[in-house]
Amino acid sequence: YDVNTDTTKAIDKAADAVVGINNIQNSNFWYDESGDDQGPAGTGS
């Protein structure tokens, strides 16, 4: 089925304009001050 509804058209129009946001609060690539693995402090959109 090639489903084309108002909903799918709306998502096709808007989805690529929505991005992820990475909030990085530590300059050390692998570890934070306690020695634990450190990724982004937070993520959002």
All heavy atoms as atom14 arrays in JSON, in Angstrom:
{
  "sequence": "YDVNTDTTKAIDKAADAVVGINNIQNSNFWYDESGDDQGPAGTGS",
  "atom14_mask": [
    [1, 1, 1, 1, 1, 1, 1, 1, 1, 1, 1, 1, 0, 0],
    [1, 1, 1, 1, 1, 1, 1, 1, 0, 0, 0, 0, 0, 0],
    [1, 1, 1, 1, 1, 1, 1, 0, 0, 0, 0, 0, 0, 0],
    [1, 1, 1, 1, 1, 1, 1, 1, 0, 0, 0, 0, 0, 0],
    [1, 1, 1, 1, 1, 1, 1, 0, 0, 0, 0, 0, 0, 0],
    [1, 1, 1, 1, 1, 1, 1, 1, 0, 0, 0, 0, 0, 0],
    [1, 1, 1, 1, 1, 1, 1, 0, 0, 0, 0, 0, 0, 0],
    [1, 1, 1, 1, 1, 1, 1, 0, 0, 0, 0, 0, 0, 0],
    [1, 1, 1, 1, 1, 1, 1, 1, 1, 0, 0, 0, 0, 0],
    [1, 1, 1, 1, 1, 0, 0, 0, 0, 0, 0, 0, 0, 0],
    [1, 1, 1, 1, 1, 1, 1, 1, 0, 0, 0, 0, 0, 0],
    [1, 1, 1, 1, 1, 1, 1, 1, 0, 0, 0, 0, 0, 0],
    [1, 1, 1, 1, 1, 1, 1, 1, 1, 0, 0, 0, 0, 0],
    [1, 1, 1, 1, 1, 0, 0, 0, 0, 0, 0, 0, 0, 0],
    [1, 1, 1, 1, 1, 0, 0, 0, 0, 0, 0, 0, 0, 0],
    [1, 1, 1, 1, 1, 1, 1, 1, 0, 0, 0, 0, 0, 0],
    [1, 1, 1, 1, 1, 0, 0, 0, 0, 0, 0, 0, 0, 0],
    [1, 1, 1, 1, 1, 1, 1, 0, 0, 0, 0, 0, 0, 0],
    [1, 1, 1, 1, 1, 1, 1, 0, 0, 0, 0, 0, 0, 0],
    [1, 1, 1, 1, 0, 0, 0, 0, 0, 0, 0, 0, 0, 0],
    [1, 1, 1, 1, 1, 1, 1, 1, 0, 0, 0, 0, 0, 0],
    [1, 1, 1, 1, 1, 1, 1, 1, 0, 0, 0, 0, 0, 0],
    [1, 1, 1, 1, 1, 1, 1, 1, 0, 0, 0, 0, 0, 0],
    [1, 1, 1, 1, 1, 1, 1, 1, 0, 0, 0, 0, 0, 0],
    [1, 1, 1, 1, 1, 1, 1, 1, 1, 0, 0, 0, 0, 0],
    [1, 1, 1, 1, 1, 1, 1, 1, 0, 0, 0, 0, 0, 0],
    [1, 1, 1, 1, 1, 1, 0, 0, 0, 0, 0, 0, 0, 0],
    [1, 1, 1, 1, 1, 1, 1, 1, 0, 0, 0, 0, 0, 0],
    [1, 1, 1, 1, 1, 1, 1, 1, 1, 1, 1, 0, 0, 0],
    [1, 1, 1, 1, 1, 1, 1, 1, 1, 1, 1, 1, 1, 1],
    [1, 1, 1, 1, 1, 1, 1, 1, 1, 1, 1, 1, 0, 0],
    [1, 1, 1, 1, 1, 1, 1, 1, 0, 0, 0, 0, 0, 0],
    [1, 1, 1, 1, 1, 1, 1, 1, 1, 0, 0, 0, 0, 0],
    [1, 1, 1, 1, 1, 1, 0, 0, 0, 0, 0, 0, 0, 0],
    [1, 1, 1, 1, 0, 0, 0, 0, 0, 0, 0, 0, 0, 0],
    [1, 1, 1, 1, 1, 1, 1, 1, 0, 0, 0, 0, 0, 0],
    [1, 1, 1, 1, 1, 1, 1, 1, 0, 0, 0, 0, 0, 0],
    [1, 1, 1, 1, 1, 1, 1, 1, 1, 0, 0, 0, 0, 0],
    [1, 1, 1, 1, 0, 0, 0, 0, 0, 0, 0, 0, 0, 0],
    [1, 1, 1, 1, 1, 1, 1, 0, 0, 0, 0, 0, 0, 0],
    [1, 1, 1, 1, 1, 0, 0, 0, 0, 0, 0, 0, 0, 0],
    [1, 1, 1, 1, 0, 0, 0, 0, 0, 0, 0, 0, 0, 0],
    [1, 1, 1, 1, 1, 1, 1, 0, 0, 0, 0, 0, 0, 0],
    [1, 1, 1, 1, 0, 0, 0, 0, 0, 0, 0, 0, 0, 0],
    [1, 1, 1, 1, 1, 1, 0, 0, 0, 0, 0, 0, 0, 0]
  ],
  "atom14_positions": [
    [[0.83, -1.19, 0.0], [0.0, 0.0, 0.0], [0.88, 1.25, 0.0], [1.87, 1.31, 0.72], [-0.9, 0.03, 1.25], [-1.93, -1.07, 1.29], [-1.67, -2.25, 1.98], [-3.14, -0.95, 0.64], [-2.6, -3.27, 2.02], [-4.08, -1.95, 0.67], [-3.81, -3.12, 1.37], [-4.72, -4.12, 1.41], [0.0, 0.0, 0.0], [0.0, 0.0, 0.0]],
    [[0.53, 2.21, -0.78], [1.18, 3.52, -0.76], [0.22, 4.46, -0.03], [-0.7, 5.0, -0.63], [1.47, 4.0, -2.18], [2.22, 5.33, -2.19], [2.69, 5.74, -1.11], [2.33, 5.94, -3.27], [0.0, 0.0, 0.0], [0.0, 0.0, 0.0], [0.0, 0.0, 0.0], [0.0, 0.0, 0.0], [0.0, 0.0, 0.0], [0.0, 0.0, 0.0]],
    [[0.45, 4.6, 1.29], [-0.49, 5.35, 2.12], [-0.12, 6.82, 2.1], [0.99, 7.22, 2.47], [-0.47, 4.83, 3.57], [-1.41, 5.65, 4.44], [-0.87, 3.37, 3.6], [0.0, 0.0, 0.0], [0.0, 0.0, 0.0], [0.0, 0.0, 0.0], [0.0, 0.0, 0.0], [0.0, 0.0, 0.0], [0.0, 0.0, 0.0], [0.0, 0.0, 0.0]],
    [[-1.02, 7.64, 1.66], [-0.85, 9.09, 1.68], [-2.09, 9.71, 2.32], [-3.16, 9.75, 1.71], [-0.66, 9.64, 0.26], [0.73, 9.4, -0.27], [1.7, 9.94, 0.25], [0.85, 8.55, -1.29], [0.0, 0.0, 0.0], [0.0, 0.0, 0.0], [0.0, 0.0, 0.0], [0.0, 0.0, 0.0], [0.0, 0.0, 0.0], [0.0, 0.0, 0.0]],
    [[-1.93, 10.12, 3.55], [-3.02, 10.78, 4.26], [-2.57, 12.18, 4.63], [-1.4, 12.56, 4.46], [-3.39, 10.01, 5.53], [-2.29, 10.09, 6.46], [-3.7, 8.55, 5.24], [0.0, 0.0, 0.0], [0.0, 0.0, 0.0], [0.0, 0.0, 0.0], [0.0, 0.0, 0.0], [0.0, 0.0, 0.0], [0.0, 0.0, 0.0], [0.0, 0.0, 0.0]],
    [[-3.49, 12.98, 5.17], [-3.12, 14.31, 5.63], [-2.05, 14.23, 6.71], [-1.16, 15.07, 6.78], [-4.35, 15.03, 6.17], [-5.32, 15.43, 5.06], [-4.88, 15.49, 3.89], [-6.5, 15.66, 5.35], [0.0, 0.0, 0.0], [0.0, 0.0, 0.0], [0.0, 0.0, 0.0], [0.0, 0.0, 0.0], [0.0, 0.0, 0.0], [0.0, 0.0, 0.0]],
    [[-2.14, 13.19, 7.55], [-1.16, 13.04, 8.62], [0.23, 12.75, 8.07], [1.21, 13.39, 8.46], [-1.59, 11.91, 9.58], [-2.86, 12.23, 10.15], [-0.57, 11.74, 10.7], [0.0, 0.0, 0.0], [0.0, 0.0, 0.0], [0.0, 0.0, 0.0], [0.0, 0.0, 0.0], [0.0, 0.0, 0.0], [0.0, 0.0, 0.0], [0.0, 0.0, 0.0]],
    [[0.34, 11.8, 7.16], [1.66, 11.47, 6.61], [2.23, 12.64, 5.82], [3.44, 12.88, 5.85], [1.58, 10.23, 5.7], [0.66, 10.47, 4.62], [1.1, 9.01, 6.49], [0.0, 0.0, 0.0], [0.0, 0.0, 0.0], [0.0, 0.0, 0.0], [0.0, 0.0, 0.0], [0.0, 0.0, 0.0], [0.0, 0.0, 0.0], [0.0, 0.0, 0.0]],
    [[1.39, 13.38, 5.14], [1.87, 14.56, 4.4], [2.39, 15.63, 5.36], [3.4, 16.28, 5.09], [0.75, 15.13, 3.53], [0.36, 14.24, 2.36], [-0.82, 14.81, 1.61], [-1.26, 13.88, 0.47], [-2.48, 14.4, -0.22], [0.0, 0.0, 0.0], [0.0, 0.0, 0.0], [0.0, 0.0, 0.0], [0.0, 0.0, 0.0], [0.0, 0.0, 0.0]],
    [[1.69, 15.8, 6.48], [2.14, 16.79, 7.48], [3.5, 16.4, 8.06], [4.38, 17.26, 8.24], [1.1, 16.93, 8.59], [0.0, 0.0, 0.0], [0.0, 0.0, 0.0], [0.0, 0.0, 0.0], [0.0, 0.0, 0.0], [0.0, 0.0, 0.0], [0.0, 0.0, 0.0], [0.0, 0.0, 0.0], [0.0, 0.0, 0.0], [0.0, 0.0, 0.0]],
    [[3.68, 15.12, 8.36], [4.95, 14.67, 8.92], [6.07, 14.8, 7.89], [7.18, 15.23, 8.21], [4.83, 13.21, 9.41], [3.77, 13.11, 10.51], [6.18, 12.71, 9.91], [3.98, 14.03, 11.68], [0.0, 0.0, 0.0], [0.0, 0.0, 0.0], [0.0, 0.0, 0.0], [0.0, 0.0, 0.0], [0.0, 0.0, 0.0], [0.0, 0.0, 0.0]],
    [[5.8, 14.43, 6.64], [6.8, 14.58, 5.58], [7.25, 16.04, 5.46], [8.42, 16.32, 5.21], [6.24, 14.11, 4.24], [6.13, 12.6, 4.14], [6.77, 11.92, 4.96], [5.4, 12.12, 3.26], [0.0, 0.0, 0.0], [0.0, 0.0, 0.0], [0.0, 0.0, 0.0], [0.0, 0.0, 0.0], [0.0, 0.0, 0.0], [0.0, 0.0, 0.0]],
    [[6.32, 16.94, 5.65], [6.63, 18.37, 5.51], [7.47, 18.9, 6.66], [8.35, 19.73, 6.48], [5.32, 19.16, 5.41], [5.49, 20.66, 5.24], [4.14, 21.32, 5.06], [4.28, 22.82, 4.87], [2.95, 23.48, 4.67], [0.0, 0.0, 0.0], [0.0, 0.0, 0.0], [0.0, 0.0, 0.0], [0.0, 0.0, 0.0], [0.0, 0.0, 0.0]],
    [[7.22, 18.4, 7.88], [7.81, 19.02, 9.07], [8.96, 18.24, 9.68], [9.8, 18.82, 10.38], [6.72, 19.22, 10.13], [0.0, 0.0, 0.0], [0.0, 0.0, 0.0], [0.0, 0.0, 0.0], [0.0, 0.0, 0.0], [0.0, 0.0, 0.0], [0.0, 0.0, 0.0], [0.0, 0.0, 0.0], [0.0, 0.0, 0.0], [0.0, 0.0, 0.0]],
    [[9.04, 16.93, 9.46], [9.95, 16.08, 10.23], [11.41, 16.48, 10.1], [12.16, 16.48, 11.09], [9.76, 14.61, 9.84], [0.0, 0.0, 0.0], [0.0, 0.0, 0.0], [0.0, 0.0, 0.0], [0.0, 0.0, 0.0], [0.0, 0.0, 0.0], [0.0, 0.0, 0.0], [0.0, 0.0, 0.0], [0.0, 0.0, 0.0], [0.0, 0.0, 0.0]],
    [[11.86, 16.81, 8.89], [13.28, 17.11, 8.69], [13.7, 18.42, 9.32], [14.91, 18.7, 9.42], [13.61, 17.12, 7.2], [13.67, 15.72, 6.61], [13.77, 14.77, 7.39], [13.6, 15.58, 5.38], [0.0, 0.0, 0.0], [0.0, 0.0, 0.0], [0.0, 0.0, 0.0], [0.0, 0.0, 0.0], [0.0, 0.0, 0.0], [0.0, 0.0, 0.0]],
    [[12.75, 19.25, 9.72], [13.08, 20.5, 10.4], [13.24, 20.32, 11.9], [13.64, 21.25, 12.6], [12.0, 21.55, 10.12], [0.0, 0.0, 0.0], [0.0, 0.0, 0.0], [0.0, 0.0, 0.0], [0.0, 0.0, 0.0], [0.0, 0.0, 0.0], [0.0, 0.0, 0.0], [0.0, 0.0, 0.0], [0.0, 0.0, 0.0], [0.0, 0.0, 0.0]],
    [[12.93, 19.12, 12.42], [13.06, 18.84, 13.85], [14.39, 18.14, 14.09], [14.72, 17.17, 13.4], [11.89, 17.97, 14.35], [12.04, 17.68, 15.84], [10.56, 18.66, 14.08], [0.0, 0.0, 0.0], [0.0, 0.0, 0.0], [0.0, 0.0, 0.0], [0.0, 0.0, 0.0], [0.0, 0.0, 0.0], [0.0, 0.0, 0.0], [0.0, 0.0, 0.0]],
    [[15.16, 18.64, 15.05], [16.52, 18.14, 15.29], [16.69, 17.73, 16.74], [15.87, 18.07, 17.6], [17.56, 19.22, 14.93], [17.48, 19.57, 13.45], [17.37, 20.47, 15.79], [0.0, 0.0, 0.0], [0.0, 0.0, 0.0], [0.0, 0.0, 0.0], [0.0, 0.0, 0.0], [0.0, 0.0, 0.0], [0.0, 0.0, 0.0], [0.0, 0.0, 0.0]],
    [[17.76, 17.01, 17.0], [18.15, 16.69, 18.37], [19.13, 17.72, 18.89], [19.91, 18.29, 18.12], [0.0, 0.0, 0.0], [0.0, 0.0, 0.0], [0.0, 0.0, 0.0], [0.0, 0.0, 0.0], [0.0, 0.0, 0.0], [0.0, 0.0, 0.0], [0.0, 0.0, 0.0], [0.0, 0.0, 0.0], [0.0, 0.0, 0.0], [0.0, 0.0, 0.0]],
    [[19.11, 17.97, 20.2], [20.03, 18.91, 20.84], [20.83, 18.14, 21.9], [20.25, 17.51, 22.78], [19.29, 20.07, 21.53], [18.32, 20.76, 20.55], [20.29, 21.06, 22.12], [18.98, 21.56, 19.48], [0.0, 0.0, 0.0], [0.0, 0.0, 0.0], [0.0, 0.0, 0.0], [0.0, 0.0, 0.0], [0.0, 0.0, 0.0], [0.0, 0.0, 0.0]],
    [[22.15, 18.21, 21.8], [23.03, 17.62, 22.82], [23.63, 18.74, 23.67], [24.29, 19.63, 23.14], [24.15, 16.8, 22.18], [23.65, 15.49, 21.6], [22.66, 14.93, 22.09], [24.3, 15.01, 20.57], [0.0, 0.0, 0.0], [0.0, 0.0, 0.0], [0.0, 0.0, 0.0], [0.0, 0.0, 0.0], [0.0, 0.0, 0.0], [0.0, 0.0, 0.0]],
    [[23.4, 18.66, 24.97], [23.94, 19.62, 25.93], [25.19, 18.98, 26.55], [25.09, 18.03, 27.33], [22.89, 19.92, 27.0], [23.38, 20.86, 28.07], [24.53, 20.86, 28.45], [22.46, 21.66, 28.6], [0.0, 0.0, 0.0], [0.0, 0.0, 0.0], [0.0, 0.0, 0.0], [0.0, 0.0, 0.0], [0.0, 0.0, 0.0], [0.0, 0.0, 0.0]],
    [[26.36, 19.5, 26.19], [27.63, 18.92, 26.65], [28.22, 19.82, 27.72], [28.43, 21.01, 27.49], [28.61, 18.78, 25.47], [27.98, 17.9, 24.37], [29.93, 18.17, 25.93], [28.73, 17.91, 23.07], [0.0, 0.0, 0.0], [0.0, 0.0, 0.0], [0.0, 0.0, 0.0], [0.0, 0.0, 0.0], [0.0, 0.0, 0.0], [0.0, 0.0, 0.0]],
    [[28.48, 19.25, 28.9], [28.96, 20.05, 30.03], [30.31, 19.6, 30.56], [30.76, 20.08, 31.59], [27.92, 20.03, 31.16], [26.59, 20.65, 30.78], [25.63, 20.76, 31.93], [25.97, 20.46, 33.07], [24.41, 21.18, 31.64], [0.0, 0.0, 0.0], [0.0, 0.0, 0.0], [0.0, 0.0, 0.0], [0.0, 0.0, 0.0], [0.0, 0.0, 0.0]],
    [[30.96, 18.68, 29.86], [32.26, 18.2, 30.32], [33.2, 18.12, 29.14], [32.88, 17.54, 28.11], [32.11, 16.82, 30.97], [33.34, 16.44, 31.78], [34.46, 16.48, 31.27], [33.13, 16.06, 33.02], [0.0, 0.0, 0.0], [0.0, 0.0, 0.0], [0.0, 0.0, 0.0], [0.0, 0.0, 0.0], [0.0, 0.0, 0.0], [0.0, 0.0, 0.0]],
    [[34.39, 18.72, 29.28], [35.34, 18.76, 28.18], [36.12, 17.45, 28.04], [36.75, 17.21, 27.02], [36.32, 19.91, 28.37], [37.01, 19.79, 29.61], [0.0, 0.0, 0.0], [0.0, 0.0, 0.0], [0.0, 0.0, 0.0], [0.0, 0.0, 0.0], [0.0, 0.0, 0.0], [0.0, 0.0, 0.0], [0.0, 0.0, 0.0], [0.0, 0.0, 0.0]],
    [[36.11, 16.6, 29.08], [36.81, 15.32, 29.02], [35.99, 14.34, 28.19], [34.82, 14.08, 28.47], [37.01, 14.77, 30.44], [37.95, 13.57, 30.45], [37.89, 12.71, 29.58], [38.81, 13.54, 31.45], [0.0, 0.0, 0.0], [0.0, 0.0, 0.0], [0.0, 0.0, 0.0], [0.0, 0.0, 0.0], [0.0, 0.0, 0.0], [0.0, 0.0, 0.0]],
    [[36.62, 13.79, 27.16], [35.88, 12.96, 26.22], [35.34, 11.69, 26.84], [34.19, 11.3, 26.61], [36.8, 12.61, 25.05], [36.16, 11.71, 24.02], [34.97, 12.06, 23.41], [36.75, 10.51, 23.68], [34.39, 11.24, 22.47], [36.17, 9.69, 22.74], [34.99, 10.04, 22.13], [0.0, 0.0, 0.0], [0.0, 0.0, 0.0], [0.0, 0.0, 0.0]],
    [[36.15, 11.0, 27.69], [35.74, 9.69, 28.2], [35.17, 9.72, 29.6], [34.23, 8.99, 29.91], [36.94, 8.73, 28.19], [37.41, 8.38, 26.82], [38.61, 8.69, 26.26], [36.69, 7.65, 25.83], [38.7, 8.19, 24.98], [37.52, 7.55, 24.69], [35.42, 7.07, 25.79], [37.13, 6.9, 23.53], [35.03, 6.42, 24.64], [35.88, 6.34, 23.54]],
    [[35.71, 10.54, 30.49], [35.34, 10.43, 31.89], [34.99, 11.8, 32.48], [35.51, 12.83, 32.06], [36.5, 9.84, 32.71], [36.91, 8.48, 32.26], [38.06, 8.3, 31.5], [36.14, 7.36, 32.57], [38.44, 7.05, 31.07], [36.52, 6.11, 32.14], [37.66, 5.95, 31.4], [38.03, 4.71, 30.96], [0.0, 0.0, 0.0], [0.0, 0.0, 0.0]],
    [[34.11, 11.77, 33.49], [33.87, 12.98, 34.25], [34.81, 12.98, 35.46], [35.68, 12.13, 35.6], [32.4, 13.08, 34.68], [31.98, 11.94, 35.59], [32.86, 11.24, 36.12], [30.75, 11.77, 35.79], [0.0, 0.0, 0.0], [0.0, 0.0, 0.0], [0.0, 0.0, 0.0], [0.0, 0.0, 0.0], [0.0, 0.0, 0.0], [0.0, 0.0, 0.0]],
    [[34.64, 13.93, 36.36], [35.57, 14.08, 37.48], [35.56, 12.87, 38.41], [36.54, 12.59, 39.09], [35.23, 15.35, 38.25], [35.47, 16.62, 37.43], [35.07, 17.85, 38.2], [34.55, 17.7, 39.32], [35.27, 18.97, 37.69], [0.0, 0.0, 0.0], [0.0, 0.0, 0.0], [0.0, 0.0, 0.0], [0.0, 0.0, 0.0], [0.0, 0.0, 0.0]],
    [[34.48, 12.14, 38.46], [34.41, 10.98, 39.35], [34.94, 9.72, 38.7], [35.0, 8.67, 39.32], [32.96, 10.74, 39.78], [32.17, 10.41, 38.68], [0.0, 0.0, 0.0], [0.0, 0.0, 0.0], [0.0, 0.0, 0.0], [0.0, 0.0, 0.0], [0.0, 0.0, 0.0], [0.0, 0.0, 0.0], [0.0, 0.0, 0.0], [0.0, 0.0, 0.0]],
    [[35.32, 9.82, 37.4], [35.84, 8.66, 36.69], [34.77, 7.86, 35.98], [35.06, 6.85, 35.37], [0.0, 0.0, 0.0], [0.0, 0.0, 0.0], [0.0, 0.0, 0.0], [0.0, 0.0, 0.0], [0.0, 0.0, 0.0], [0.0, 0.0, 0.0], [0.0, 0.0, 0.0], [0.0, 0.0, 0.0], [0.0, 0.0, 0.0], [0.0, 0.0, 0.0]],
    [[33.51, 8.31, 36.06], [32.43, 7.59, 35.38], [32.38, 7.99, 33.92], [32.82, 9.06, 33.51], [31.08, 7.91, 36.05], [31.03, 7.4, 37.48], [31.69, 6.37, 37.75], [30.35, 8.03, 38.3], [0.0, 0.0, 0.0], [0.0, 0.0, 0.0], [0.0, 0.0, 0.0], [0.0, 0.0, 0.0], [0.0, 0.0, 0.0], [0.0, 0.0, 0.0]],
    [[31.77, 7.09, 33.11], [31.58, 7.43, 31.7], [30.75, 8.7, 31.61], [29.78, 8.89, 32.35], [30.85, 6.28, 30.99], [31.74, 5.06, 30.83], [32.95, 5.22, 30.98], [31.2, 3.97, 30.59], [0.0, 0.0, 0.0], [0.0, 0.0, 0.0], [0.0, 0.0, 0.0], [0.0, 0.0, 0.0], [0.0, 0.0, 0.0], [0.0, 0.0, 0.0]],
    [[31.13, 9.55, 30.65], [30.46, 10.84, 30.54], [29.95, 11.04, 29.12], [30.72, 11.09, 28.17], [31.45, 11.97, 30.89], [30.88, 13.37, 30.71], [29.86, 13.69, 31.78], [29.76, 12.99, 32.79], [29.09, 14.73, 31.57], [0.0, 0.0, 0.0], [0.0, 0.0, 0.0], [0.0, 0.0, 0.0], [0.0, 0.0, 0.0], [0.0, 0.0, 0.0]],
    [[28.65, 11.13, 28.98], [28.05, 11.5, 27.71], [27.51, 12.91, 27.83], [27.89, 13.66, 28.72], [0.0, 0.0, 0.0], [0.0, 0.0, 0.0], [0.0, 0.0, 0.0], [0.0, 0.0, 0.0], [0.0, 0.0, 0.0], [0.0, 0.0, 0.0], [0.0, 0.0, 0.0], [0.0, 0.0, 0.0], [0.0, 0.0, 0.0], [0.0, 0.0, 0.0]],
    [[26.61, 13.3, 26.92], [26.0, 14.61, 27.04], [25.25, 14.74, 28.35], [24.63, 13.8, 28.84], [25.03, 14.64, 25.85], [25.58, 13.64, 24.89], [26.18, 12.57, 25.74], [0.0, 0.0, 0.0], [0.0, 0.0, 0.0], [0.0, 0.0, 0.0], [0.0, 0.0, 0.0], [0.0, 0.0, 0.0], [0.0, 0.0, 0.0], [0.0, 0.0, 0.0]],
    [[25.3, 15.92, 28.97], [24.6, 16.14, 30.23], [23.1, 16.07, 30.03], [22.36, 15.77, 30.96], [24.99, 17.49, 30.82], [0.0, 0.0, 0.0], [0.0, 0.0, 0.0], [0.0, 0.0, 0.0], [0.0, 0.0, 0.0], [0.0, 0.0, 0.0], [0.0, 0.0, 0.0], [0.0, 0.0, 0.0], [0.0, 0.0, 0.0], [0.0, 0.0, 0.0]],
    [[22.65, 16.35, 28.83], [21.22, 16.29, 28.57], [20.96, 16.31, 27.08], [21.79, 16.74, 26.28], [0.0, 0.0, 0.0], [0.0, 0.0, 0.0], [0.0, 0.0, 0.0], [0.0, 0.0, 0.0], [0.0, 0.0, 0.0], [0.0, 0.0, 0.0], [0.0, 0.0, 0.0], [0.0, 0.0, 0.0], [0.0, 0.0, 0.0], [0.0, 0.0, 0.0]],
    [[19.82, 15.79, 26.7], [19.41, 15.82, 25.31], [18.0, 16.36, 25.23], [17.21, 16.22, 26.16], [19.46, 14.42, 24.67], [18.6, 13.55, 25.4], [20.87, 13.87, 24.66], [0.0, 0.0, 0.0], [0.0, 0.0, 0.0], [0.0, 0.0, 0.0], [0.0, 0.0, 0.0], [0.0, 0.0, 0.0], [0.0, 0.0, 0.0], [0.0, 0.0, 0.0]],
    [[17.7, 16.96, 24.12], [16.37, 17.48, 23.89], [16.12, 17.57, 22.4], [16.78, 16.92, 21.6], [0.0, 0.0, 0.0], [0.0, 0.0, 0.0], [0.0, 0.0, 0.0], [0.0, 0.0, 0.0], [0.0, 0.0, 0.0], [0.0, 0.0, 0.0], [0.0, 0.0, 0.0], [0.0, 0.0, 0.0], [0.0, 0.0, 0.0], [0.0, 0.0, 0.0]],
    [[15.17, 18.4, 22.04], [14.8, 18.56, 20.65], [14.81, 20.04, 20.3], [14.84, 20.91, 21.18], [13.41, 17.97, 20.4], [13.34, 16.62, 20.82], [0.0, 0.0, 0.0], [0.0, 0.0, 0.0], [0.0, 0.0, 0.0], [0.0, 0.0, 0.0], [0.0, 0.0, 0.0], [0.0, 0.0, 0.0], [0.0, 0.0, 0.0], [0.0, 0.0, 0.0]]
  ]
}
